[in-house]
Amino acid sequence: MQTSISAIKRLTENIVRLVGPLRIILFGSTARGESDAESDVDLLIVMPEGAHRRHTAQFLYREIRGAGVPFDLIVAVPSDLEKYRDNPGLIYKAIIEEGREIYARAKT
């Protein structure tokens, strides 16, 4: 069974409400349309520069526990993506190449 679009939307809405990210990028099997009953939802949460990555991830895991969909998060800031975007040994390269942006904060 594939993860439903509505479950991903609810998860995204919760993340936006809780931490106000710049972007959320869906990656992995769900982004490729290859998810099954064992799949989780992989999300890259891009926060503003200066955000504490580990604390943000811990907070989100704690607050969204029991969301009804298994998920895994990576929290980064824009400079992480720039710095590591071409490093094949890190996940950022694959996320940038195959991920799907599912949320972007409106520019003001």
PDB file of N, CA and C in Angstrom:
ATOM      1  N   MET A   1       0.838  -1.189   0.000  1.00  0.00           N
ATOM      2  CA  MET A   1       0.000   0.000   0.000  1.00  0.00           C
ATOM      3  C   MET A   1       0.875   1.241   0.000  1.00  0.00           C
ATOM      4  N   GLN A   2       0.662   2.129  -0.897  1.00  0.00           N
ATOM      5  CA  GLN A   2       1.430   3.359  -0.958  1.00  0.00           C
ATOM      6  C   GLN A   2       0.953   4.338   0.113  1.00  0.00           C
ATOM      7  N   THR A   3       1.884   5.172   0.556  1.00  0.00           N
ATOM      8  CA  THR A   3       1.530   6.228   1.495  1.00  0.00           C
ATOM      9  C   THR A   3       0.624   7.210   0.778  1.00  0.00           C
ATOM     10  N   SER A   4      -0.468   7.564   1.419  1.00  0.00           N
ATOM     11  CA  SER A   4      -1.439   8.429   0.754  1.00  0.00           C
ATOM     12  C   SER A   4      -0.945   9.870   0.688  1.00  0.00           C
ATOM     13  N   ILE A   5      -1.400  10.552  -0.333  1.00  0.00           N
ATOM     14  CA  ILE A   5      -1.071  11.963  -0.510  1.00  0.00           C
ATOM     15  C   ILE A   5      -1.615  12.766   0.664  1.00  0.00           C
ATOM     16  N   SER A   6      -2.782  12.403   1.145  1.00  0.00           N
ATOM     17  CA  SER A   6      -3.374  13.150   2.269  1.00  0.00           C
ATOM     18  C   SER A   6      -2.545  12.985   3.540  1.00  0.00           C
ATOM     19  N   ALA A   7      -1.947  11.809   3.753  1.00  0.00           N
ATOM     20  CA  ALA A   7      -1.092  11.599   4.931  1.00  0.00           C
ATOM     21  C   ALA A   7       0.174  12.452   4.828  1.00  0.00           C
ATOM     22  N   ILE A   8       0.746  12.538   3.642  1.00  0.00           N
ATOM     23  CA  ILE A   8       1.937  13.375   3.436  1.00  0.00           C
ATOM     24  C   ILE A   8       1.570  14.845   3.610  1.00  0.00           C
ATOM     25  N   LYS A   9       0.411  15.230   3.131  1.00  0.00           N
ATOM     26  CA  LYS A   9      -0.035  16.618   3.282  1.00  0.00           C
ATOM     27  C   LYS A   9      -0.211  16.973   4.754  1.00  0.00           C
ATOM     28  N   ARG A  10      -0.837  16.082   5.534  1.00  0.00           N
ATOM     29  CA  ARG A  10      -1.015  16.329   6.974  1.00  0.00           C
ATOM     30  C   ARG A  10       0.330  16.431   7.680  1.00  0.00           C
ATOM     31  N   LEU A  11       1.247  15.552   7.340  1.00  0.00           N
ATOM     32  CA  LEU A  11       2.585  15.581   7.930  1.00  0.00           C
ATOM     33  C   LEU A  11       3.278  16.903   7.606  1.00  0.00           C
ATOM     34  N   THR A  12       3.194  17.329   6.352  1.00  0.00           N
ATOM     35  CA  THR A  12       3.787  18.595   5.917  1.00  0.00           C
ATOM     36  C   THR A  12       3.166  19.774   6.663  1.00  0.00           C
ATOM     37  N   GLU A  13       1.860  19.797   6.768  1.00  0.00           N
ATOM     38  CA  GLU A  13       1.174  20.886   7.470  1.00  0.00           C
ATOM     39  C   GLU A  13       1.617  20.969   8.936  1.00  0.00           C
ATOM     40  N   ASN A  14       1.774  19.817   9.581  1.00  0.00           N
ATOM     41  CA  ASN A  14       2.236  19.799  10.971  1.00  0.00           C
ATOM     42  C   ASN A  14       3.644  20.364  11.090  1.00  0.00           C
ATOM     43  N   ILE A  15       4.522  19.971  10.190  1.00  0.00           N
ATOM     44  CA  ILE A  15       5.898  20.463  10.232  1.00  0.00           C
ATOM     45  C   ILE A  15       5.933  21.974  10.028  1.00  0.00           C
ATOM     46  N   VAL A  16       5.176  22.459   9.052  1.00  0.00           N
ATOM     47  CA  VAL A  16       5.134  23.903   8.777  1.00  0.00           C
ATOM     48  C   VAL A  16       4.609  24.648   9.999  1.00  0.00           C
ATOM     49  N   ARG A  17       3.563  24.144  10.599  1.00  0.00           N
ATOM     50  CA  ARG A  17       2.970  24.788  11.781  1.00  0.00           C
ATOM     51  C   ARG A  17       3.953  24.804  12.957  1.00  0.00           C
ATOM     52  N   LEU A  18       4.710  23.736  13.127  1.00  0.00           N
ATOM     53  CA  LEU A  18       5.583  23.610  14.294  1.00  0.00           C
ATOM     54  C   LEU A  18       6.901  24.369  14.174  1.00  0.00           C
ATOM     55  N   VAL A  19       7.516  24.372  12.980  1.00  0.00           N
ATOM     56  CA  VAL A  19       8.864  24.952  12.881  1.00  0.00           C
ATOM     57  C   VAL A  19       9.041  25.979  11.768  1.00  0.00           C
ATOM     58  N   GLY A  20       8.062  26.174  10.913  1.00  0.00           N
ATOM     59  CA  GLY A  20       8.166  27.196   9.876  1.00  0.00           C
ATOM     60  C   GLY A  20       9.386  27.054   8.975  1.00  0.00           C
ATOM     61  N   PRO A  21       9.560  25.906   8.310  1.00  0.00           N
ATOM     62  CA  PRO A  21      10.733  25.723   7.457  1.00  0.00           C
ATOM     63  C   PRO A  21      10.697  26.591   6.203  1.00  0.00           C
ATOM     64  N   LEU A  22      11.857  26.690   5.559  1.00  0.00           N
ATOM     65  CA  LEU A  22      11.928  27.375   4.270  1.00  0.00           C
ATOM     66  C   LEU A  22      11.380  26.476   3.165  1.00  0.00           C
ATOM     67  N   ARG A  23      11.734  25.199   3.251  1.00  0.00           N
ATOM     68  CA  ARG A  23      11.343  24.226   2.225  1.00  0.00           C
ATOM     69  C   ARG A  23      11.188  22.854   2.870  1.00  0.00           C
ATOM     70  N   ILE A  24      10.387  22.013   2.227  1.00  0.00           N
ATOM     71  CA  ILE A  24      10.318  20.597   2.578  1.00  0.00           C
ATOM     72  C   ILE A  24      10.434  19.832   1.274  1.00  0.00           C
ATOM     73  N   ILE A  25      11.355  18.882   1.255  1.00  0.00           N
ATOM     74  CA  ILE A  25      11.585  18.089   0.049  1.00  0.00           C
ATOM     75  C   ILE A  25      11.339  16.619   0.369  1.00  0.00           C
ATOM     76  N   LEU A  26      10.447  16.004  -0.381  1.00  0.00           N
ATOM     77  CA  LEU A  26      10.152  14.581  -0.277  1.00  0.00           C
ATOM     78  C   LEU A  26      11.186  13.838  -1.102  1.00  0.00           C
ATOM     79  N   PHE A  27      11.782  12.795  -0.527  1.00  0.00           N
ATOM     80  CA  PHE A  27      12.760  12.014  -1.293  1.00  0.00           C
ATOM     81  C   PHE A  27      12.592  10.537  -0.968  1.00  0.00           C
ATOM     82  N   GLY A  28      13.387   9.704  -1.604  1.00  0.00           N
ATOM     83  CA  GLY A  28      13.320   8.270  -1.353  1.00  0.00           C
ATOM     84  C   GLY A  28      12.234   7.594  -2.172  1.00  0.00           C
ATOM     85  N   SER A  29      11.835   6.409  -1.707  1.00  0.00           N
ATOM     86  CA  SER A  29      10.903   5.588  -2.483  1.00  0.00           C
ATOM     87  C   SER A  29       9.554   6.267  -2.714  1.00  0.00           C
ATOM     88  N   THR A  30       9.072   7.014  -1.750  1.00  0.00           N
ATOM     89  CA  THR A  30       7.784   7.688  -1.934  1.00  0.00           C
ATOM     90  C   THR A  30       7.873   8.738  -3.036  1.00  0.00           C
ATOM     91  N   ALA A  31       8.965   9.492  -3.077  1.00  0.00           N
ATOM     92  CA  ALA A  31       9.144  10.508  -4.124  1.00  0.00           C
ATOM     93  C   ALA A  31       9.261   9.861  -5.498  1.00  0.00           C
ATOM     94  N   ARG A  32       9.847   8.668  -5.536  1.00  0.00           N
ATOM     95  CA  ARG A  32      10.007   7.963  -6.817  1.00  0.00           C
ATOM     96  C   ARG A  32       8.758   7.196  -7.223  1.00  0.00           C
ATOM     97  N   GLY A  33       7.743   7.160  -6.352  1.00  0.00           N
ATOM     98  CA  GLY A  33       6.532   6.401  -6.652  1.00  0.00           C
ATOM     99  C   GLY A  33       6.715   4.917  -6.476  1.00  0.00           C
ATOM    100  N   GLU A  34       7.678   4.512  -5.651  1.00  0.00           N
ATOM    101  CA  GLU A  34       7.999   3.099  -5.456  1.00  0.00           C
ATOM    102  C   GLU A  34       7.716   2.625  -4.031  1.00  0.00           C
ATOM    103  N   SER A  35       6.944   3.379  -3.268  1.00  0.00           N
ATOM    104  CA  SER A  35       6.715   3.001  -1.878  1.00  0.00           C
ATOM    105  C   SER A  35       5.793   1.789  -1.796  1.00  0.00           C
ATOM    106  N   ASP A  36       5.945   1.056  -0.700  1.00  0.00           N
ATOM    107  CA  ASP A  36       5.081  -0.090  -0.433  1.00  0.00           C
ATOM    108  C   ASP A  36       4.705  -0.079   1.046  1.00  0.00           C
ATOM    109  N   ALA A  37       4.139  -1.151   1.533  1.00  0.00           N
ATOM    110  CA  ALA A  37       3.661  -1.207   2.915  1.00  0.00           C
ATOM    111  C   ALA A  37       4.779  -1.032   3.939  1.00  0.00           C
ATOM    112  N   GLU A  38       6.002  -1.311   3.563  1.00  0.00           N
ATOM    113  CA  GLU A  38       7.138  -1.202   4.471  1.00  0.00           C
ATOM    114  C   GLU A  38       7.836   0.154   4.388  1.00  0.00           C
ATOM    115  N   SER A  39       7.411   1.003   3.482  1.00  0.00           N
ATOM    116  CA  SER A  39       8.100   2.276   3.237  1.00  0.00           C
ATOM    117  C   SER A  39       7.726   3.336   4.266  1.00  0.00           C
ATOM    118  N   ASP A  40       8.685   4.217   4.513  1.00  0.00           N
ATOM    119  CA  ASP A  40       8.392   5.402   5.307  1.00  0.00           C
ATOM    120  C   ASP A  40       8.444   6.612   4.388  1.00  0.00           C
ATOM    121  N   VAL A  41       8.108   7.754   4.931  1.00  0.00           N
ATOM    122  CA  VAL A  41       8.156   9.002   4.177  1.00  0.00           C
ATOM    123  C   VAL A  41       9.449   9.707   4.568  1.00  0.00           C
ATOM    124  N   ASP A  42      10.312   9.939   3.601  1.00  0.00           N
ATOM    125  CA  ASP A  42      11.590  10.608   3.838  1.00  0.00           C
ATOM    126  C   ASP A  42      11.460  12.077   3.463  1.00  0.00           C
ATOM    127  N   LEU A  43      11.787  12.953   4.425  1.00  0.00           N
ATOM    128  CA  LEU A  43      11.654  14.389   4.191  1.00  0.00           C
ATOM    129  C   LEU A  43      12.921  15.125   4.581  1.00  0.00           C
ATOM    130  N   LEU A  44      13.335  16.038   3.724  1.00  0.00           N
ATOM    131  CA  LEU A  44      14.395  16.980   4.047  1.00  0.00           C
ATOM    132  C   LEU A  44      13.706  18.278   4.450  1.00  0.00           C
ATOM    133  N   ILE A  45      13.976  18.726   5.662  1.00  0.00           N
ATOM    134  CA  ILE A  45      13.406  19.961   6.184  1.00  0.00           C
ATOM    135  C   ILE A  45      14.505  21.017   6.113  1.00  0.00           C
ATOM    136  N   VAL A  46      14.313  22.037   5.282  1.00  0.00           N
ATOM    137  CA  VAL A  46      15.306  23.096   5.136  1.00  0.00           C
ATOM    138  C   VAL A  46      14.879  24.274   6.006  1.00  0.00           C
ATOM    139  N   MET A  47      15.704  24.556   7.012  1.00  0.00           N
ATOM    140  CA  MET A  47      15.431  25.616   7.974  1.00  0.00           C
ATOM    141  C   MET A  47      16.302  26.833   7.657  1.00  0.00           C
ATOM    142  N   PRO A  48      15.957  27.991   8.213  1.00  0.00           N
ATOM    143  CA  PRO A  48      16.802  29.175   8.011  1.00  0.00           C
ATOM    144  C   PRO A  48      18.194  28.963   8.607  1.00  0.00           C
ATOM    145  N   GLU A  49      19.166  29.677   8.056  1.00  0.00           N
ATOM    146  CA  GLU A  49      20.533  29.623   8.590  1.00  0.00           C
ATOM    147  C   GLU A  49      20.496  29.899  10.093  1.00  0.00           C
ATOM    148  N   GLY A  50      21.320  29.186  10.823  1.00  0.00           N
ATOM    149  CA  GLY A  50      21.404  29.372  12.263  1.00  0.00           C
ATOM    150  C   GLY A  50      20.513  28.439  13.058  1.00  0.00           C
ATOM    151  N   ALA A  51      19.583  27.765  12.394  1.00  0.00           N
ATOM    152  CA  ALA A  51      18.718  26.814  13.096  1.00  0.00           C
ATOM    153  C   ALA A  51      19.561  25.646  13.591  1.00  0.00           C
ATOM    154  N   HIS A  52      19.228  25.130  14.739  1.00  0.00           N
ATOM    155  CA  HIS A  52      19.935  23.972  15.293  1.00  0.00           C
ATOM    156  C   HIS A  52      19.309  22.713  14.701  1.00  0.00           C
ATOM    157  N   ARG A  53      20.049  22.047  13.835  1.00  0.00           N
ATOM    158  CA  ARG A  53      19.521  20.917  13.086  1.00  0.00           C
ATOM    159  C   ARG A  53      19.031  19.790  13.998  1.00  0.00           C
ATOM    160  N   ARG A  54      19.887  19.360  14.914  1.00  0.00           N
ATOM    161  CA  ARG A  54      19.545  18.219  15.777  1.00  0.00           C
ATOM    162  C   ARG A  54      18.361  18.542  16.681  1.00  0.00           C
ATOM    163  N   HIS A  55      18.361  19.712  17.285  1.00  0.00           N
ATOM    164  CA  HIS A  55      17.239  20.084  18.168  1.00  0.00           C
ATOM    165  C   HIS A  55      15.931  20.164  17.390  1.00  0.00           C
ATOM    166  N   THR A  56      15.990  20.697  16.178  1.00  0.00           N
ATOM    167  CA  THR A  56      14.788  20.790  15.352  1.00  0.00           C
ATOM    168  C   THR A  56      14.264  19.400  15.024  1.00  0.00           C
ATOM    169  N   ALA A  57      15.147  18.497  14.635  1.00  0.00           N
ATOM    170  CA  ALA A  57      14.731  17.123  14.318  1.00  0.00           C
ATOM    171  C   ALA A  57      14.144  16.436  15.550  1.00  0.00           C
ATOM    172  N   GLN A  58      14.806  16.558  16.688  1.00  0.00           N
ATOM    173  CA  GLN A  58      14.305  15.936  17.912  1.00  0.00           C
ATOM    174  C   GLN A  58      12.927  16.484  18.280  1.00  0.00           C
ATOM    175  N   PHE A  59      12.768  17.797  18.176  1.00  0.00           N
ATOM    176  CA  PHE A  59      11.490  18.426  18.474  1.00  0.00           C
ATOM    177  C   PHE A  59      10.400  17.873  17.561  1.00  0.00           C
ATOM    178  N   LEU A  60      10.682  17.796  16.261  1.00  0.00           N
ATOM    179  CA  LEU A  60       9.679  17.309  15.320  1.00  0.00           C
ATOM    180  C   LEU A  60       9.324  15.849  15.580  1.00  0.00           C
ATOM    181  N   TYR A  61      10.310  15.005  15.815  1.00  0.00           N
ATOM    182  CA  TYR A  61      10.018  13.599  16.112  1.00  0.00           C
ATOM    183  C   TYR A  61       9.133  13.489  17.353  1.00  0.00           C
ATOM    184  N   ARG A  62       9.415  14.269  18.357  1.00  0.00           N
ATOM    185  CA  ARG A  62       8.643  14.243  19.602  1.00  0.00           C
ATOM    186  C   ARG A  62       7.208  14.724  19.374  1.00  0.00           C
ATOM    187  N   GLU A  63       7.045  15.814  18.631  1.00  0.00           N
ATOM    188  CA  GLU A  63       5.738  16.425  18.446  1.00  0.00           C
ATOM    189  C   GLU A  63       4.850  15.708  17.431  1.00  0.00           C
ATOM    190  N   ILE A  64       5.456  15.037  16.467  1.00  0.00           N
ATOM    191  CA  ILE A  64       4.664  14.428  15.393  1.00  0.00           C
ATOM    192  C   ILE A  64       4.538  12.913  15.582  1.00  0.00           C
ATOM    193  N   ARG A  65       5.074  12.420  16.646  1.00  0.00           N
ATOM    194  CA  ARG A  65       4.968  10.987  16.942  1.00  0.00           C
ATOM    195  C   ARG A  65       3.505  10.566  16.827  1.00  0.00           C
ATOM    196  N   GLY A  66       3.261   9.431  16.233  1.00  0.00           N
ATOM    197  CA  GLY A  66       1.890   8.950  16.077  1.00  0.00           C
ATOM    198  C   GLY A  66       1.135   9.639  14.959  1.00  0.00           C
ATOM    199  N   ALA A  67       1.843  10.122  13.960  1.00  0.00           N
ATOM    200  CA  ALA A  67       1.219  10.855  12.852  1.00  0.00           C
ATOM    201  C   ALA A  67       0.398   9.959  11.933  1.00  0.00           C
ATOM    202  N   GLY A  68       0.487   8.665  12.128  1.00  0.00           N
ATOM    203  CA  GLY A  68      -0.271   7.754  11.285  1.00  0.00           C
ATOM    204  C   GLY A  68       0.474   7.332  10.039  1.00  0.00           C
ATOM    205  N   VAL A  69       1.672   7.870   9.861  1.00  0.00           N
ATOM    206  CA  VAL A  69       2.513   7.496   8.727  1.00  0.00           C
ATOM    207  C   VAL A  69       3.958   7.448   9.235  1.00  0.00           C
ATOM    208  N   PRO A  70       4.675   6.356   8.945  1.00  0.00           N
ATOM    209  CA  PRO A  70       6.076   6.318   9.371  1.00  0.00           C
ATOM    210  C   PRO A  70       6.889   7.334   8.573  1.00  0.00           C
ATOM    211  N   PHE A  71       7.777   8.051   9.253  1.00  0.00           N
ATOM    212  CA  PHE A  71       8.540   9.075   8.565  1.00  0.00           C
ATOM    213  C   PHE A  71       9.963   9.145   9.100  1.00  0.00           C
ATOM    214  N   ASP A  72      10.831   9.697   8.279  1.00  0.00           N
ATOM    215  CA  ASP A  72      12.215   9.947   8.654  1.00  0.00           C
ATOM    216  C   ASP A  72      12.556  11.346   8.175  1.00  0.00           C
ATOM    217  N   LEU A  73      13.245  12.098   9.025  1.00  0.00           N
ATOM    218  CA  LEU A  73      13.554  13.489   8.713  1.00  0.00           C
ATOM    219  C   LEU A  73      15.051  13.745   8.694  1.00  0.00           C
ATOM    220  N   ILE A  74      15.460  14.624   7.807  1.00  0.00           N
ATOM    221  CA  ILE A  74      16.792  15.212   7.822  1.00  0.00           C
ATOM    222  C   ILE A  74      16.568  16.716   7.871  1.00  0.00           C
ATOM    223  N   VAL A  75      17.218  17.372   8.798  1.00  0.00           N
ATOM    224  CA  VAL A  75      17.105  18.825   8.900  1.00  0.00           C
ATOM    225  C   VAL A  75      18.419  19.434   8.421  1.00  0.00           C
ATOM    226  N   ALA A  76      18.317  20.417   7.555  1.00  0.00           N
ATOM    227  CA  ALA A  76      19.496  21.097   7.004  1.00  0.00           C
ATOM    228  C   ALA A  76      19.188  22.585   6.879  1.00  0.00           C
ATOM    229  N   VAL A  77      20.231  23.349   6.596  1.00  0.00           N
ATOM    230  CA  VAL A  77      20.090  24.772   6.293  1.00  0.00           C
ATOM    231  C   VAL A  77      20.589  24.977   4.858  1.00  0.00           C
ATOM    232  N   PRO A  78      20.225  26.081   4.211  1.00  0.00           N
ATOM    233  CA  PRO A  78      20.614  26.276   2.811  1.00  0.00           C
ATOM    234  C   PRO A  78      22.110  26.112   2.547  1.00  0.00           C
ATOM    235  N   SER A  79      22.953  26.568   3.458  1.00  0.00           N
ATOM    236  CA  SER A  79      24.396  26.442   3.218  1.00  0.00           C
ATOM    237  C   SER A  79      24.841  24.978   3.196  1.00  0.00           C
ATOM    238  N   ASP A  80      24.142  24.086   3.911  1.00  0.00           N
ATOM    239  CA  ASP A  80      24.452  22.651   3.839  1.00  0.00           C
ATOM    240  C   ASP A  80      24.224  22.139   2.423  1.00  0.00           C
ATOM    241  N   LEU A  81      23.110  22.534   1.845  1.00  0.00           N
ATOM    242  CA  LEU A  81      22.788  22.076   0.492  1.00  0.00           C
ATOM    243  C   LEU A  81      23.796  22.584  -0.517  1.00  0.00           C
ATOM    244  N   GLU A  82      24.193  23.830  -0.380  1.00  0.00           N
ATOM    245  CA  GLU A  82      25.192  24.399  -1.282  1.00  0.00           C
ATOM    246  C   GLU A  82      26.541  23.705  -1.118  1.00  0.00           C
ATOM    247  N   LYS A  83      26.953  23.540   0.103  1.00  0.00           N
ATOM    248  CA  LYS A  83      28.269  22.990   0.397  1.00  0.00           C
ATOM    249  C   LYS A  83      28.403  21.523  -0.028  1.00  0.00           C
ATOM    250  N   TYR A  84      27.334  20.746   0.162  1.00  0.00           N
ATOM    251  CA  TYR A  84      27.421  19.296  -0.043  1.00  0.00           C
ATOM    252  C   TYR A  84      26.658  18.783  -1.257  1.00  0.00           C
ATOM    253  N   ARG A  85      26.117  19.672  -2.068  1.00  0.00           N
ATOM    254  CA  ARG A  85      25.270  19.256  -3.180  1.00  0.00           C
ATOM    255  C   ARG A  85      25.961  18.356  -4.211  1.00  0.00           C
ATOM    256  N   ASP A  86      27.268  18.463  -4.345  1.00  0.00           N
ATOM    257  CA  ASP A  86      27.975  17.665  -5.343  1.00  0.00           C
ATOM    258  C   ASP A  86      28.775  16.519  -4.737  1.00  0.00           C
ATOM    259  N   ASN A  87      28.601  16.251  -3.457  1.00  0.00           N
ATOM    260  CA  ASN A  87      29.335  15.189  -2.786  1.00  0.00           C
ATOM    261  C   ASN A  87      28.534  13.889  -2.886  1.00  0.00           C
ATOM    262  N   PRO A  88      28.996  12.948  -3.724  1.00  0.00           N
ATOM    263  CA  PRO A  88      28.235  11.709  -3.915  1.00  0.00           C
ATOM    264  C   PRO A  88      28.192  10.832  -2.665  1.00  0.00           C
ATOM    265  N   GLY A  89      29.047  11.096  -1.693  1.00  0.00           N
ATOM    266  CA  GLY A  89      29.062  10.316  -0.472  1.00  0.00           C
ATOM    267  C   GLY A  89      28.024  10.759   0.552  1.00  0.00           C
ATOM    268  N   LEU A  90      27.336  11.848   0.282  1.00  0.00           N
ATOM    269  CA  LEU A  90      26.323  12.355   1.202  1.00  0.00           C
ATOM    270  C   LEU A  90      24.944  12.331   0.548  1.00  0.00           C
ATOM    271  N   ILE A  91      23.930  12.219   1.351  1.00  0.00           N
ATOM    272  CA  ILE A  91      22.555  12.089   0.866  1.00  0.00           C
ATOM    273  C   ILE A  91      22.042  13.336   0.142  1.00  0.00           C
ATOM    274  N   TYR A  92      22.626  14.496   0.434  1.00  0.00           N
ATOM    275  CA  TYR A  92      22.125  15.738  -0.168  1.00  0.00           C
ATOM    276  C   TYR A  92      22.127  15.685  -1.690  1.00  0.00           C
ATOM    277  N   LYS A  93      23.153  15.106  -2.278  1.00  0.00           N
ATOM    278  CA  LYS A  93      23.240  15.030  -3.742  1.00  0.00           C
ATOM    279  C   LYS A  93      22.032  14.272  -4.309  1.00  0.00           C
ATOM    280  N   ALA A  94      21.720  13.120  -3.734  1.00  0.00           N
ATOM    281  CA  ALA A  94      20.572  12.337  -4.212  1.00  0.00           C
ATOM    282  C   ALA A  94      19.258  13.070  -3.978  1.00  0.00           C
ATOM    283  N   ILE A  95      19.132  13.739  -2.845  1.00  0.00           N
ATOM    284  CA  ILE A  95      17.899  14.467  -2.553  1.00  0.00           C
ATOM    285  C   ILE A  95      17.692  15.586  -3.570  1.00  0.00           C
ATOM    286  N   ILE A  96      18.752  16.328  -3.869  1.00  0.00           N
ATOM    287  CA  ILE A  96      18.654  17.428  -4.829  1.00  0.00           C
ATOM    288  C   ILE A  96      18.311  16.899  -6.218  1.00  0.00           C
ATOM    289  N   GLU A  97      18.881  15.755  -6.580  1.00  0.00           N
ATOM    290  CA  GLU A  97      18.659  15.206  -7.919  1.00  0.00           C
ATOM    291  C   GLU A  97      17.293  14.548  -8.083  1.00  0.00           C
ATOM    292  N   GLU A  98      16.807  13.843  -7.057  1.00  0.00           N
ATOM    293  CA  GLU A  98      15.573  13.076  -7.243  1.00  0.00           C
ATOM    294  C   GLU A  98      14.411  13.516  -6.360  1.00  0.00           C
ATOM    295  N   GLY A  99      14.666  14.414  -5.429  1.00  0.00           N
ATOM    296  CA  GLY A  99      13.614  14.830  -4.511  1.00  0.00           C
ATOM    297  C   GLY A  99      12.573  15.709  -5.167  1.00  0.00           C
ATOM    298  N   ARG A 100      11.416  15.791  -4.508  1.00  0.00           N
ATOM    299  CA  ARG A 100      10.308  16.636  -4.986  1.00  0.00           C
ATOM    300  C   ARG A 100       9.974  17.650  -3.905  1.00  0.00           C
ATOM    301  N   GLU A 101      10.074  18.908  -4.238  1.00  0.00           N
ATOM    302  CA  GLU A 101       9.723  19.947  -3.276  1.00  0.00           C
ATOM    303  C   GLU A 101       8.212  19.929  -3.068  1.00  0.00           C
ATOM    304  N   ILE A 102       7.796  19.753  -1.814  1.00  0.00           N
ATOM    305  CA  ILE A 102       6.365  19.697  -1.521  1.00  0.00           C
ATOM    306  C   ILE A 102       5.907  20.904  -0.705  1.00  0.00           C
ATOM    307  N   TYR A 103       6.853  21.729  -0.283  1.00  0.00           N
ATOM    308  CA  TYR A 103       6.511  22.976   0.404  1.00  0.00           C
ATOM    309  C   TYR A 103       7.652  23.966   0.202  1.00  0.00           C
ATOM    310  N   ALA A 104       7.289  25.209  -0.048  1.00  0.00           N
ATOM    311  CA  ALA A 104       8.257  26.313  -0.090  1.00  0.00           C
ATOM    312  C   ALA A 104       7.598  27.520   0.547  1.00  0.00           C
ATOM    313  N   ARG A 105       8.286  28.107   1.495  1.00  0.00           N
ATOM    314  CA  ARG A 105       7.765  29.306   2.163  1.00  0.00           C
ATOM    315  C   ARG A 105       7.674  30.431   1.144  1.00  0.00           C
ATOM    316  N   ALA A 106       6.572  31.145   1.180  1.00  0.00           N
ATOM    317  CA  ALA A 106       6.410  32.290   0.279  1.00  0.00           C
ATOM    318  C   ALA A 106       7.459  33.343   0.604  1.00  0.00           C
ATOM    319  N   LYS A 107       8.058  33.893  -0.434  1.00  0.00           N
ATOM    320  CA  LYS A 107       9.066  34.939  -0.232  1.00  0.00           C
ATOM    321  C   LYS A 107       8.360  36.255   0.055  1.00  0.00           C
ATOM    322  N   THR A 108       8.898  36.961   1.048  1.00  0.00           N
ATOM    323  CA  THR A 108       8.279  38.247   1.411  1.00  0.00           C
ATOM    324  C   THR A 108       9.161  39.401   1.016  1.00  0.00           C
TER     325      THR A 108
END
